[in-house]
């Protein structure tokens, strides 16, 4: 099991104003990225719940996504997957039932 050092603290540098860092300053870039990702995912789940996560509905795509839209009706991981699926459905309708 991977251990991620967590040490939330306030920082003010680089003209960004006061903001949170989740890993200690001595942590590697990978550890800092992992800690920030885990905290942001936790906040998303707390705010929107598990019902706002899903697996892409496009054929052949198994990416997961977090739906932060107002309506909560997202089905695809990206516009590319949504477009590819919609174009395939359009072409199938144009071919008709005979295939």
PDB file of N, CA and C in Angstrom:
ATOM      1  N   UNK A   1       0.838  -1.177   0.000  1.00  0.00           N
ATOM      2  CA  UNK A   1       0.000   0.000   0.000  1.00  0.00           C
ATOM      3  C   UNK A   1       0.886   1.245   0.000  1.00  0.00           C
ATOM      4  N   UNK A   2       0.488   2.225  -0.776  1.00  0.00           N
ATOM      5  CA  UNK A   2       1.263   3.456  -0.864  1.00  0.00           C
ATOM      6  C   UNK A   2       0.902   4.383   0.280  1.00  0.00           C
ATOM      7  N   UNK A   3       1.893   4.998   0.845  1.00  0.00           N
ATOM      8  CA  UNK A   3       1.665   5.990   1.896  1.00  0.00           C
ATOM      9  C   UNK A   3       1.884   7.373   1.296  1.00  0.00           C
ATOM     10  N   UNK A   4       0.957   8.254   1.537  1.00  0.00           N
ATOM     11  CA  UNK A   4       1.067   9.624   1.040  1.00  0.00           C
ATOM     12  C   UNK A   4       1.196  10.555   2.226  1.00  0.00           C
ATOM     13  N   UNK A   5       2.300  11.290   2.305  1.00  0.00           N
ATOM     14  CA  UNK A   5       2.452  12.215   3.431  1.00  0.00           C
ATOM     15  C   UNK A   5       1.431  13.350   3.324  1.00  0.00           C
ATOM     16  N   UNK A   6       0.679  13.555   4.390  1.00  0.00           N
ATOM     17  CA  UNK A   6      -0.319  14.625   4.413  1.00  0.00           C
ATOM     18  C   UNK A   6       0.058  15.605   5.511  1.00  0.00           C
ATOM     19  N   UNK A   7       0.141  16.842   5.149  1.00  0.00           N
ATOM     20  CA  UNK A   7       0.496  17.884   6.095  1.00  0.00           C
ATOM     21  C   UNK A   7      -0.135  19.182   5.602  1.00  0.00           C
ATOM     22  N   UNK A   8      -1.471  19.309   5.697  1.00  0.00           N
ATOM     23  CA  UNK A   8      -2.125  20.517   5.182  1.00  0.00           C
ATOM     24  C   UNK A   8      -1.585  21.768   5.860  1.00  0.00           C
ATOM     25  N   UNK A   9      -1.265  22.761   5.051  1.00  0.00           N
ATOM     26  CA  UNK A   9      -0.778  24.025   5.599  1.00  0.00           C
ATOM     27  C   UNK A   9      -1.063  25.161   4.616  1.00  0.00           C
ATOM     28  N   UNK A  10      -1.163  26.359   5.148  1.00  0.00           N
ATOM     29  CA  UNK A  10      -1.386  27.544   4.326  1.00  0.00           C
ATOM     30  C   UNK A  10      -0.069  28.043   3.770  1.00  0.00           C
ATOM     31  N   UNK A  11      -0.098  28.516   2.542  1.00  0.00           N
ATOM     32  CA  UNK A  11       1.103  29.050   1.905  1.00  0.00           C
ATOM     33  C   UNK A  11       0.734  30.294   1.117  1.00  0.00           C
ATOM     34  N   UNK A  12       1.659  31.207   1.009  1.00  0.00           N
ATOM     35  CA  UNK A  12       1.488  32.419   0.205  1.00  0.00           C
ATOM     36  C   UNK A  12       2.790  32.650  -0.546  1.00  0.00           C
ATOM     37  N   UNK A  13       2.789  32.311  -1.830  1.00  0.00           N
ATOM     38  CA  UNK A  13       3.995  32.492  -2.639  1.00  0.00           C
ATOM     39  C   UNK A  13       3.600  32.640  -4.100  1.00  0.00           C
ATOM     40  N   UNK A  14       4.495  33.175  -4.878  1.00  0.00           N
ATOM     41  CA  UNK A  14       4.284  33.249  -6.322  1.00  0.00           C
ATOM     42  C   UNK A  14       3.148  34.156  -6.752  1.00  0.00           C
ATOM     43  N   UNK A  15       2.703  35.061  -5.882  1.00  0.00           N
ATOM     44  CA  UNK A  15       1.630  35.971  -6.259  1.00  0.00           C
ATOM     45  C   UNK A  15       0.248  35.331  -6.303  1.00  0.00           C
ATOM     46  N   UNK A  16       0.106  34.124  -5.757  1.00  0.00           N
ATOM     47  CA  UNK A  16      -1.174  33.425  -5.775  1.00  0.00           C
ATOM     48  C   UNK A  16      -2.030  33.741  -4.555  1.00  0.00           C
ATOM     49  N   UNK A  17      -1.511  34.472  -3.621  1.00  0.00           N
ATOM     50  CA  UNK A  17      -2.246  34.743  -2.399  1.00  0.00           C
ATOM     51  C   UNK A  17      -2.217  33.532  -1.483  1.00  0.00           C
ATOM     52  N   UNK A  18      -3.018  33.578  -0.453  1.00  0.00           N
ATOM     53  CA  UNK A  18      -3.070  32.504   0.534  1.00  0.00           C
ATOM     54  C   UNK A  18      -3.823  31.302  -0.042  1.00  0.00           C
ATOM     55  N   UNK A  19      -3.212  30.137   0.041  1.00  0.00           N
ATOM     56  CA  UNK A  19      -3.837  28.909  -0.472  1.00  0.00           C
ATOM     57  C   UNK A  19      -3.314  27.707   0.311  1.00  0.00           C
ATOM     58  N   UNK A  20      -3.953  26.557   0.098  1.00  0.00           N
ATOM     59  CA  UNK A  20      -3.591  25.337   0.814  1.00  0.00           C
ATOM     60  C   UNK A  20      -2.616  24.478   0.032  1.00  0.00           C
ATOM     61  N   UNK A  21      -1.664  23.921   0.749  1.00  0.00           N
ATOM     62  CA  UNK A  21      -0.838  22.827   0.251  1.00  0.00           C
ATOM     63  C   UNK A  21      -1.165  21.644   1.160  1.00  0.00           C
ATOM     64  N   UNK A  22      -1.185  20.448   0.602  1.00  0.00           N
ATOM     65  CA  UNK A  22      -1.593  19.276   1.375  1.00  0.00           C
ATOM     66  C   UNK A  22      -0.443  18.384   1.794  1.00  0.00           C
ATOM     67  N   UNK A  23       0.688  18.494   1.150  1.00  0.00           N
ATOM     68  CA  UNK A  23       1.862  17.682   1.496  1.00  0.00           C
ATOM     69  C   UNK A  23       2.917  18.590   2.126  1.00  0.00           C
ATOM     70  N   UNK A  24       3.794  18.028   2.918  1.00  0.00           N
ATOM     71  CA  UNK A  24       4.852  18.859   3.521  1.00  0.00           C
ATOM     72  C   UNK A  24       5.781  19.417   2.447  1.00  0.00           C
ATOM     73  N   UNK A  25       6.399  20.550   2.721  1.00  0.00           N
ATOM     74  CA  UNK A  25       7.312  21.156   1.730  1.00  0.00           C
ATOM     75  C   UNK A  25       8.443  20.241   1.294  1.00  0.00           C
ATOM     76  N   UNK A  26       8.830  19.312   2.137  1.00  0.00           N
ATOM     77  CA  UNK A  26       9.933  18.402   1.800  1.00  0.00           C
ATOM     78  C   UNK A  26       9.497  17.251   0.894  1.00  0.00           C
ATOM     79  N   UNK A  27       8.210  17.107   0.639  1.00  0.00           N
ATOM     80  CA  UNK A  27       7.699  15.992  -0.173  1.00  0.00           C
ATOM     81  C   UNK A  27       8.137  16.143  -1.627  1.00  0.00           C
ATOM     82  N   UNK A  28       8.253  15.011  -2.302  1.00  0.00           N
ATOM     83  CA  UNK A  28       8.610  15.027  -3.724  1.00  0.00           C
ATOM     84  C   UNK A  28       7.426  15.548  -4.538  1.00  0.00           C
ATOM     85  N   UNK A  29       7.677  15.869  -5.787  1.00  0.00           N
ATOM     86  CA  UNK A  29       6.613  16.359  -6.662  1.00  0.00           C
ATOM     87  C   UNK A  29       5.490  15.326  -6.786  1.00  0.00           C
ATOM     88  N   UNK A  30       5.848  14.049  -6.915  1.00  0.00           N
ATOM     89  CA  UNK A  30       4.848  12.981  -7.024  1.00  0.00           C
ATOM     90  C   UNK A  30       3.999  12.915  -5.755  1.00  0.00           C
ATOM     91  N   UNK A  31       4.623  13.002  -4.599  1.00  0.00           N
ATOM     92  CA  UNK A  31       3.878  12.959  -3.331  1.00  0.00           C
ATOM     93  C   UNK A  31       2.969  14.173  -3.188  1.00  0.00           C
ATOM     94  N   UNK A  32       3.447  15.348  -3.595  1.00  0.00           N
ATOM     95  CA  UNK A  32       2.607  16.550  -3.526  1.00  0.00           C
ATOM     96  C   UNK A  32       1.428  16.439  -4.470  1.00  0.00           C
ATOM     97  N   UNK A  33       1.658  15.946  -5.677  1.00  0.00           N
ATOM     98  CA  UNK A  33       0.579  15.777  -6.648  1.00  0.00           C
ATOM     99  C   UNK A  33      -0.445  14.768  -6.135  1.00  0.00           C
ATOM    100  N   UNK A  34       0.036  13.654  -5.581  1.00  0.00           N
ATOM    101  CA  UNK A  34      -0.858  12.613  -5.058  1.00  0.00           C
ATOM    102  C   UNK A  34      -1.691  13.147  -3.892  1.00  0.00           C
ATOM    103  N   UNK A  35      -1.073  13.872  -2.985  1.00  0.00           N
ATOM    104  CA  UNK A  35      -1.793  14.424  -1.832  1.00  0.00           C
ATOM    105  C   UNK A  35      -2.854  15.426  -2.277  1.00  0.00           C
ATOM    106  N   UNK A  36      -2.515  16.298  -3.212  1.00  0.00           N
ATOM    107  CA  UNK A  36      -3.473  17.284  -3.705  1.00  0.00           C
ATOM    108  C   UNK A  36      -4.627  16.603  -4.422  1.00  0.00           C
ATOM    109  N   UNK A  37      -4.329  15.603  -5.242  1.00  0.00           N
ATOM    110  CA  UNK A  37      -5.379  14.874  -5.962  1.00  0.00           C
ATOM    111  C   UNK A  37      -6.323  14.176  -4.989  1.00  0.00           C
ATOM    112  N   UNK A  38      -5.769  13.521  -3.975  1.00  0.00           N
ATOM    113  CA  UNK A  38      -6.601  12.836  -2.985  1.00  0.00           C
ATOM    114  C   UNK A  38      -7.506  13.809  -2.236  1.00  0.00           C
ATOM    115  N   UNK A  39      -6.990  14.960  -1.863  1.00  0.00           N
ATOM    116  CA  UNK A  39      -7.792  15.942  -1.134  1.00  0.00           C
ATOM    117  C   UNK A  39      -8.880  16.528  -2.021  1.00  0.00           C
ATOM    118  N   UNK A  40      -8.556  16.846  -3.268  1.00  0.00           N
ATOM    119  CA  UNK A  40      -9.559  17.406  -4.172  1.00  0.00           C
ATOM    120  C   UNK A  40     -10.651  16.382  -4.471  1.00  0.00           C
ATOM    121  N   UNK A  41     -10.286  15.122  -4.653  1.00  0.00           N
ATOM    122  CA  UNK A  41     -11.270  14.069  -4.872  1.00  0.00           C
ATOM    123  C   UNK A  41     -12.160  13.908  -3.642  1.00  0.00           C
ATOM    124  N   UNK A  42     -11.574  13.975  -2.466  1.00  0.00           N
ATOM    125  CA  UNK A  42     -12.355  13.888  -1.223  1.00  0.00           C
ATOM    126  C   UNK A  42     -13.364  15.030  -1.132  1.00  0.00           C
ATOM    127  N   UNK A  43     -12.922  16.246  -1.464  1.00  0.00           N
ATOM    128  CA  UNK A  43     -13.825  17.395  -1.426  1.00  0.00           C
ATOM    129  C   UNK A  43     -14.952  17.252  -2.438  1.00  0.00           C
ATOM    130  N   UNK A  44     -14.645  16.759  -3.640  1.00  0.00           N
ATOM    131  CA  UNK A  44     -15.664  16.550  -4.661  1.00  0.00           C
ATOM    132  C   UNK A  44     -16.700  15.540  -4.189  1.00  0.00           C
ATOM    133  N   UNK A  45     -16.240  14.432  -3.617  1.00  0.00           N
ATOM    134  CA  UNK A  45     -17.164  13.406  -3.143  1.00  0.00           C
ATOM    135  C   UNK A  45     -18.012  13.906  -1.979  1.00  0.00           C
ATOM    136  N   UNK A  46     -17.425  14.691  -1.087  1.00  0.00           N
ATOM    137  CA  UNK A  46     -18.188  15.242   0.034  1.00  0.00           C
ATOM    138  C   UNK A  46     -19.239  16.229  -0.455  1.00  0.00           C
ATOM    139  N   UNK A  47     -18.891  17.016  -1.449  1.00  0.00           N
ATOM    140  CA  UNK A  47     -19.811  18.044  -1.945  1.00  0.00           C
ATOM    141  C   UNK A  47     -20.910  17.465  -2.827  1.00  0.00           C
ATOM    142  N   UNK A  48     -20.580  16.508  -3.706  1.00  0.00           N
ATOM    143  CA  UNK A  48     -21.539  16.013  -4.690  1.00  0.00           C
ATOM    144  C   UNK A  48     -21.990  14.575  -4.468  1.00  0.00           C
ATOM    145  N   UNK A  49     -21.270  13.804  -3.668  1.00  0.00           N
ATOM    146  CA  UNK A  49     -21.631  12.410  -3.426  1.00  0.00           C
ATOM    147  C   UNK A  49     -21.136  11.478  -4.522  1.00  0.00           C
ATOM    148  N   UNK A  50     -21.262  10.185  -4.280  1.00  0.00           N
ATOM    149  CA  UNK A  50     -20.808   9.176  -5.232  1.00  0.00           C
ATOM    150  C   UNK A  50     -21.642   9.143  -6.501  1.00  0.00           C
ATOM    151  N   UNK A  51     -22.877   9.621  -6.431  1.00  0.00           N
ATOM    152  CA  UNK A  51     -23.739   9.585  -7.612  1.00  0.00           C
ATOM    153  C   UNK A  51     -23.224  10.492  -8.718  1.00  0.00           C
ATOM    154  N   UNK A  52     -22.293  11.361  -8.416  1.00  0.00           N
ATOM    155  CA  UNK A  52     -21.738  12.274  -9.411  1.00  0.00           C
ATOM    156  C   UNK A  52     -20.446  11.757 -10.021  1.00  0.00           C
ATOM    157  N   UNK A  53     -20.170  10.480  -9.866  1.00  0.00           N
ATOM    158  CA  UNK A  53     -19.028   9.860 -10.520  1.00  0.00           C
ATOM    159  C   UNK A  53     -19.549   8.775 -11.448  1.00  0.00           C
ATOM    160  N   UNK A  54     -18.793   8.430 -12.465  1.00  0.00           N
ATOM    161  CA  UNK A  54     -19.253   7.401 -13.384  1.00  0.00           C
ATOM    162  C   UNK A  54     -18.149   6.920 -14.295  1.00  0.00           C
ATOM    163  N   UNK A  55     -18.502   5.932 -15.098  1.00  0.00           N
ATOM    164  CA  UNK A  55     -17.604   5.384 -16.112  1.00  0.00           C
ATOM    165  C   UNK A  55     -18.150   5.813 -17.464  1.00  0.00           C
ATOM    166  N   UNK A  56     -17.283   6.232 -18.353  1.00  0.00           N
ATOM    167  CA  UNK A  56     -17.664   6.735 -19.667  1.00  0.00           C
ATOM    168  C   UNK A  56     -18.577   5.743 -20.387  1.00  0.00           C
ATOM    169  N   UNK A  57     -19.637   6.260 -21.020  1.00  0.00           N
ATOM    170  CA  UNK A  57     -20.616   5.432 -21.728  1.00  0.00           C
ATOM    171  C   UNK A  57     -20.190   5.105 -23.159  1.00  0.00           C
ATOM    172  N   UNK A  58     -19.075   5.635 -23.627  1.00  0.00           N
ATOM    173  CA  UNK A  58     -18.619   5.372 -24.992  1.00  0.00           C
ATOM    174  C   UNK A  58     -18.095   3.946 -25.110  1.00  0.00           C
ATOM    175  N   UNK A  59     -18.398   3.314 -26.240  1.00  0.00           N
ATOM    176  CA  UNK A  59     -17.882   1.964 -26.498  1.00  0.00           C
ATOM    177  C   UNK A  59     -16.362   1.982 -26.488  1.00  0.00           C
ATOM    178  N   UNK A  60     -15.776   1.047 -25.781  1.00  0.00           N
ATOM    179  CA  UNK A  60     -14.328   0.919 -25.758  1.00  0.00           C
ATOM    180  C   UNK A  60     -13.609   1.871 -24.820  1.00  0.00           C
ATOM    181  N   UNK A  61     -14.338   2.715 -24.093  1.00  0.00           N
ATOM    182  CA  UNK A  61     -13.692   3.644 -23.161  1.00  0.00           C
ATOM    183  C   UNK A  61     -14.064   3.250 -21.738  1.00  0.00           C
ATOM    184  N   UNK A  62     -13.060   3.126 -20.881  1.00  0.00           N
ATOM    185  CA  UNK A  62     -13.330   2.761 -19.492  1.00  0.00           C
ATOM    186  C   UNK A  62     -12.848   3.835 -18.522  1.00  0.00           C
ATOM    187  N   UNK A  63     -12.684   5.060 -19.012  1.00  0.00           N
ATOM    188  CA  UNK A  63     -12.256   6.153 -18.139  1.00  0.00           C
ATOM    189  C   UNK A  63     -13.371   6.526 -17.180  1.00  0.00           C
ATOM    190  N   UNK A  64     -12.974   6.984 -16.014  1.00  0.00           N
ATOM    191  CA  UNK A  64     -13.941   7.462 -15.037  1.00  0.00           C
ATOM    192  C   UNK A  64     -13.976   8.985 -15.076  1.00  0.00           C
ATOM    193  N   UNK A  65     -15.064   9.557 -14.602  1.00  0.00           N
ATOM    194  CA  UNK A  65     -15.193  11.007 -14.588  1.00  0.00           C
ATOM    195  C   UNK A  65     -15.935  11.440 -13.333  1.00  0.00           C
ATOM    196  N   UNK A  66     -15.781  12.700 -13.002  1.00  0.00           N
ATOM    197  CA  UNK A  66     -16.528  13.334 -11.921  1.00  0.00           C
ATOM    198  C   UNK A  66     -17.439  14.370 -12.562  1.00  0.00           C
ATOM    199  N   UNK A  67     -18.717  14.267 -12.309  1.00  0.00           N
ATOM    200  CA  UNK A  67     -19.698  15.164 -12.903  1.00  0.00           C
ATOM    201  C   UNK A  67     -19.972  16.321 -11.958  1.00  0.00           C
ATOM    202  N   UNK A  68     -19.433  17.477 -12.278  1.00  0.00           N
ATOM    203  CA  UNK A  68     -19.668  18.672 -11.477  1.00  0.00           C
ATOM    204  C   UNK A  68     -20.633  19.630 -12.173  1.00  0.00           C
ATOM    205  N   UNK A  69     -21.333  19.143 -13.192  1.00  0.00           N
ATOM    206  CA  UNK A  69     -22.286  19.984 -13.910  1.00  0.00           C
ATOM    207  C   UNK A  69     -23.512  20.255 -13.043  1.00  0.00           C
ATOM    208  N   UNK A  70     -24.273  21.254 -13.406  1.00  0.00           N
ATOM    209  CA  UNK A  70     -25.485  21.589 -12.646  1.00  0.00           C
ATOM    210  C   UNK A  70     -26.496  20.449 -12.644  1.00  0.00           C
ATOM    211  N   UNK A  71     -26.774  19.923 -13.825  1.00  0.00           N
ATOM    212  CA  UNK A  71     -27.835  18.918 -13.960  1.00  0.00           C
ATOM    213  C   UNK A  71     -27.410  17.530 -13.491  1.00  0.00           C
ATOM    214  N   UNK A  72     -26.115  17.263 -13.471  1.00  0.00           N
ATOM    215  CA  UNK A  72     -25.651  15.948 -13.036  1.00  0.00           C
ATOM    216  C   UNK A  72     -26.005  14.842 -14.008  1.00  0.00           C
ATOM    217  N   UNK A  73     -25.987  15.141 -15.307  1.00  0.00           N
ATOM    218  CA  UNK A  73     -26.389  14.149 -16.317  1.00  0.00           C
ATOM    219  C   UNK A  73     -25.243  13.747 -17.245  1.00  0.00           C
ATOM    220  N   UNK A  74     -24.054  13.972 -16.825  1.00  0.00           N
ATOM    221  CA  UNK A  74     -22.909  13.644 -17.658  1.00  0.00           C
ATOM    222  C   UNK A  74     -22.840  12.145 -17.892  1.00  0.00           C
ATOM    223  N   UNK A  75     -22.458  11.730 -19.129  1.00  0.00           N
ATOM    224  CA  UNK A  75     -22.356  10.316 -19.474  1.00  0.00           C
ATOM    225  C   UNK A  75     -20.986   9.939 -20.027  1.00  0.00           C
ATOM    226  N   UNK A  76     -20.214  10.942 -20.439  1.00  0.00           N
ATOM    227  CA  UNK A  76     -18.954  10.675 -21.108  1.00  0.00           C
ATOM    228  C   UNK A  76     -17.797  11.356 -20.379  1.00  0.00           C
ATOM    229  N   UNK A  77     -16.606  10.806 -20.555  1.00  0.00           N
ATOM    230  CA  UNK A  77     -15.419  11.364 -19.900  1.00  0.00           C
ATOM    231  C   UNK A  77     -14.928  12.625 -20.595  1.00  0.00           C
ATOM    232  N   UNK A  78     -15.275  12.788 -21.864  1.00  0.00           N
ATOM    233  CA  UNK A  78     -14.769  13.926 -22.635  1.00  0.00           C
ATOM    234  C   UNK A  78     -15.702  14.242 -23.792  1.00  0.00           C
ATOM    235  N   UNK A  79     -15.501  15.402 -24.381  1.00  0.00           N
ATOM    236  CA  UNK A  79     -16.258  15.779 -25.577  1.00  0.00           C
ATOM    237  C   UNK A  79     -15.928  14.839 -26.731  1.00  0.00           C
ATOM    238  N   UNK A  80     -14.694  14.377 -26.803  1.00  0.00           N
ATOM    239  CA  UNK A  80     -14.301  13.475 -27.888  1.00  0.00           C
ATOM    240  C   UNK A  80     -15.113  12.182 -27.845  1.00  0.00           C
ATOM    241  N   UNK A  81     -15.279  11.604 -26.662  1.00  0.00           N
ATOM    242  CA  UNK A  81     -16.075  10.376 -26.545  1.00  0.00           C
ATOM    243  C   UNK A  81     -17.550  10.646 -26.840  1.00  0.00           C
ATOM    244  N   UNK A  82     -18.063  11.764 -26.373  1.00  0.00           N
ATOM    245  CA  UNK A  82     -19.463  12.119 -26.641  1.00  0.00           C
ATOM    246  C   UNK A  82     -19.673  12.308 -28.142  1.00  0.00           C
ATOM    247  N   UNK A  83     -18.795  13.032 -28.800  1.00  0.00           N
ATOM    248  CA  UNK A  83     -18.925  13.265 -30.239  1.00  0.00           C
ATOM    249  C   UNK A  83     -18.818  11.974 -31.035  1.00  0.00           C
ATOM    250  N   UNK A  84     -17.846  11.135 -30.697  1.00  0.00           N
ATOM    251  CA  UNK A  84     -17.668   9.866 -31.404  1.00  0.00           C
ATOM    252  C   UNK A  84     -18.915   8.993 -31.284  1.00  0.00           C
ATOM    253  N   UNK A  85     -19.503   8.936 -30.090  1.00  0.00           N
ATOM    254  CA  UNK A  85     -20.711   8.136 -29.866  1.00  0.00           C
ATOM    255  C   UNK A  85     -21.894   8.709 -30.636  1.00  0.00           C
ATOM    256  N   UNK A  86     -22.053  10.028 -30.605  1.00  0.00           N
ATOM    257  CA  UNK A  86     -23.174  10.664 -31.304  1.00  0.00           C
ATOM    258  C   UNK A  86     -23.056  10.533 -32.817  1.00  0.00           C
ATOM    259  N   UNK A  87     -21.866  10.646 -33.364  1.00  0.00           N
ATOM    260  CA  UNK A  87     -21.665  10.474 -34.804  1.00  0.00           C
ATOM    261  C   UNK A  87     -21.959   9.033 -35.203  1.00  0.00           C
ATOM    262  N   UNK A  88     -21.519   8.070 -34.425  1.00  0.00           N
ATOM    263  CA  UNK A  88     -21.798   6.660 -34.729  1.00  0.00           C
ATOM    264  C   UNK A  88     -23.299   6.386 -34.710  1.00  0.00           C
ATOM    265  N   UNK A  89     -24.011   6.955 -33.750  1.00  0.00           N
ATOM    266  CA  UNK A  89     -25.467   6.768 -33.675  1.00  0.00           C
ATOM    267  C   UNK A  89     -26.148   7.421 -34.871  1.00  0.00           C
ATOM    268  N   UNK A  90     -25.698   8.599 -35.269  1.00  0.00           N
ATOM    269  CA  UNK A  90     -26.265   9.297 -36.428  1.00  0.00           C
ATOM    270  C   UNK A  90     -26.065   8.471 -37.695  1.00  0.00           C
ATOM    271  N   UNK A  91     -24.857   7.963 -37.877  1.00  0.00           N
ATOM    272  CA  UNK A  91     -24.581   7.156 -39.079  1.00  0.00           C
ATOM    273  C   UNK A  91     -25.389   5.866 -39.085  1.00  0.00           C
ATOM    274  N   UNK A  92     -25.571   5.274 -37.927  1.00  0.00           N
ATOM    275  CA  UNK A  92     -26.380   4.049 -37.842  1.00  0.00           C
ATOM    276  C   UNK A  92     -27.841   4.340 -38.202  1.00  0.00           C
ATOM    277  N   UNK A  93     -28.348   5.472 -37.765  1.00  0.00           N
ATOM    278  CA  UNK A  93     -29.738   5.841 -38.124  1.00  0.00           C
ATOM    279  C   UNK A  93     -29.869   6.091 -39.616  1.00  0.00           C
ATOM    280  N   UNK A  94     -28.870   6.691 -40.212  1.00  0.00           N
ATOM    281  CA  UNK A  94     -28.914   6.988 -41.661  1.00  0.00           C
ATOM    282  C   UNK A  94     -28.863   5.719 -42.487  1.00  0.00           C
ATOM    283  N   UNK A  95     -28.142   4.707 -42.001  1.00  0.00           N
ATOM    284  CA  UNK A  95     -28.072   3.438 -42.716  1.00  0.00           C
ATOM    285  C   UNK A  95     -29.415   2.730 -42.702  1.00  0.00           C
ATOM    286  N   UNK A  96     -30.183   2.977 -41.655  1.00  0.00           N
ATOM    287  CA  UNK A  96     -31.498   2.356 -41.547  1.00  0.00           C
ATOM    288  C   UNK A  96     -31.450   0.998 -40.900  1.00  0.00           C
ATOM    289  N   UNK A  97     -32.605   0.373 -40.741  1.00  0.00           N
ATOM    290  CA  UNK A  97     -32.688  -0.922 -40.039  1.00  0.00           C
ATOM    291  C   UNK A  97     -32.026  -2.071 -40.781  1.00  0.00           C
ATOM    292  N   UNK A  98     -31.836  -1.971 -42.087  1.00  0.00           N
ATOM    293  CA  UNK A  98     -31.229  -3.075 -42.840  1.00  0.00           C
ATOM    294  C   UNK A  98     -29.740  -3.203 -42.553  1.00  0.00           C
ATOM    295  N   UNK A  99     -29.114  -2.130 -42.016  1.00  0.00           N
ATOM    296  CA  UNK A  99     -27.724  -2.217 -41.623  1.00  0.00           C
ATOM    297  C   UNK A  99     -26.806  -1.816 -42.720  1.00  0.00           C
TER     298      UNK A  99
END
